Amino acid sequence: MLREYEFNDMEARMTDDIKRGGGTFEQYLAQIKKTREEVRVEWKDAADKRAKVRLILGEIARKENIQADEERLAHELENAKKHYPQADPAALRAHIAHALRNESVLKWLESLQA
């Protein structure tokens, strides 16, 4: 389940990057002569690592009570809505909150080394 989430996230990011370049994910697949499933097989190790990191950072955030900064979250959400007007607002907020929380966890971990 978590691996599938990571696959979907990786594909969505790649699709967005390709779209900004003027192409489609399907064109990319045709160019590299692979299917979506073949690409996902290649992504398996990366997806597993991302899932593990997601779980670890989430657990640290829970134990240390680290949350996303609400003011920054609101700001980032407004910017994201402009770039992704069709996105589900709740999903967009959750995604941004998760990313900001992870960023806060990483900063907290770095502060431990100082």
Protein backbone atom coordinates (compact mmCIF):
# COMPACT_ATOMS: atom_id res chain seq x y z
CA MET A 1 0.00 0.00 0.00
CA LEU A 2 2.71 2.49 0.96
CA ARG A 3 4.84 1.40 -2.00
CA GLU A 4 1.87 2.02 -4.29
CA TYR A 5 1.47 5.51 -2.80
CA GLU A 6 5.14 6.18 -3.53
CA PHE A 7 4.80 4.83 -7.08
CA ASN A 8 1.85 7.14 -7.65
CA ASP A 9 3.71 10.11 -6.18
CA MET A 10 6.80 9.41 -8.29
CA GLU A 11 4.68 9.06 -11.42
CA ALA A 12 2.74 12.25 -10.66
CA ARG A 13 5.96 14.21 -10.17
CA MET A 14 7.45 12.83 -13.37
CA THR A 15 4.23 13.49 -15.28
CA ASP A 16 4.21 17.07 -14.03
CA ASP A 17 7.86 17.58 -15.02
CA ILE A 18 7.23 16.15 -18.49
CA LYS A 19 4.09 18.25 -18.89
CA ARG A 20 6.04 21.41 -18.07
CA GLY A 21 8.43 20.39 -20.84
CA GLY A 22 5.53 20.09 -23.28
CA GLY A 23 5.12 16.33 -23.34
CA THR A 24 3.08 13.59 -21.76
CA PHE A 25 3.98 10.59 -19.65
CA GLU A 26 2.66 8.35 -22.42
CA GLN A 27 5.05 9.99 -24.92
CA TYR A 28 7.88 9.46 -22.46
CA LEU A 29 7.00 5.77 -22.17
CA ALA A 30 6.91 5.42 -25.96
CA GLN A 31 10.28 7.17 -26.22
CA ILE A 32 11.96 4.84 -23.73
CA LYS A 33 10.04 1.84 -25.14
CA LYS A 34 8.70 0.71 -21.78
CA THR A 35 5.32 0.24 -20.20
CA ARG A 36 4.11 1.95 -17.06
CA GLU A 37 4.46 -1.38 -15.24
CA GLU A 38 8.07 -1.83 -16.41
CA VAL A 39 8.97 1.64 -15.17
CA ARG A 40 7.36 0.91 -11.83
CA VAL A 41 9.40 -2.28 -11.51
CA GLU A 42 12.54 -0.16 -12.01
CA TRP A 43 11.30 2.26 -9.35
CA LYS A 44 10.70 -0.48 -6.76
CA ASP A 45 13.87 0.08 -4.71
CA ALA A 46 13.46 3.86 -4.75
CA ALA A 47 9.79 3.57 -3.77
CA ASP A 48 10.68 1.24 -0.90
CA LYS A 49 13.34 3.66 0.37
CA ARG A 50 10.93 6.58 0.13
CA ALA A 51 8.30 4.61 2.04
CA LYS A 52 10.78 3.77 4.81
CA VAL A 53 11.91 7.37 5.09
CA ARG A 54 8.26 8.48 5.19
CA LEU A 55 7.55 6.07 8.06
CA ILE A 56 10.66 7.04 10.00
CA LEU A 57 10.08 10.78 9.66
CA GLY A 58 6.43 10.34 10.58
CA GLU A 59 7.33 8.43 13.72
CA ILE A 60 9.91 11.04 14.75
CA ALA A 61 7.35 13.80 14.17
CA ARG A 62 4.81 11.94 16.29
CA LYS A 63 7.21 11.27 19.16
CA GLU A 64 8.65 14.78 19.16
CA ASN A 65 5.29 16.45 18.47
CA ILE A 66 6.60 18.20 15.35
CA GLN A 67 3.98 19.76 13.11
CA ALA A 68 4.01 21.91 9.99
CA ASP A 69 4.01 25.65 10.65
CA GLU A 70 0.39 26.71 10.05
CA GLU A 71 1.26 30.13 8.64
CA ARG A 72 3.70 28.68 6.14
CA LEU A 73 1.25 25.91 5.32
CA ALA A 74 -1.44 28.46 4.48
CA HIS A 75 0.99 30.40 2.30
CA GLU A 76 2.22 27.30 0.45
CA LEU A 77 -1.35 26.06 0.00
CA GLU A 78 -2.41 29.32 -1.66
CA ASN A 79 0.55 29.13 -4.04
CA ALA A 80 -0.15 25.50 -4.86
CA LYS A 81 -3.82 26.22 -5.61
CA LYS A 82 -2.67 28.68 -8.28
CA HIS A 83 -0.45 26.07 -9.92
CA TYR A 84 -2.83 23.13 -9.48
CA PRO A 85 -6.36 24.57 -9.65
CA GLN A 86 -7.93 21.18 -10.38
CA ALA A 87 -6.33 19.49 -7.37
CA ASP A 88 -8.49 18.35 -4.49
CA PRO A 89 -7.95 21.03 -1.78
CA ALA A 90 -7.90 18.53 1.08
CA ALA A 91 -5.39 16.27 -0.67
CA LEU A 92 -3.25 19.25 -1.62
CA ARG A 93 -3.26 20.52 1.97
CA ALA A 94 -2.37 17.07 3.31
CA HIS A 95 0.48 16.70 0.84
CA ILE A 96 1.93 20.14 1.66
CA ALA A 97 1.49 19.65 5.42
CA HIS A 98 3.29 16.33 5.17
CA ALA A 99 6.19 17.86 3.21
CA LEU A 100 6.51 20.78 5.62
CA ARG A 101 6.37 18.47 8.63
CA ASN A 102 9.12 16.33 7.15
CA GLU A 103 11.19 19.44 6.51
CA SER A 104 10.71 20.43 10.16
CA VAL A 105 11.77 16.97 11.31
CA LEU A 106 14.92 17.14 9.20
CA LYS A 107 15.77 20.58 10.60
CA TRP A 108 15.19 19.24 14.12
CA LEU A 109 17.51 16.30 13.42
CA GLU A 110 20.16 18.66 12.06
CA SER A 111 19.90 20.79 15.20
CA LEU A 112 20.84 17.75 17.27
CA GLN A 113 24.21 17.67 15.56
CA ALA A 114 25.02 21.29 16.41
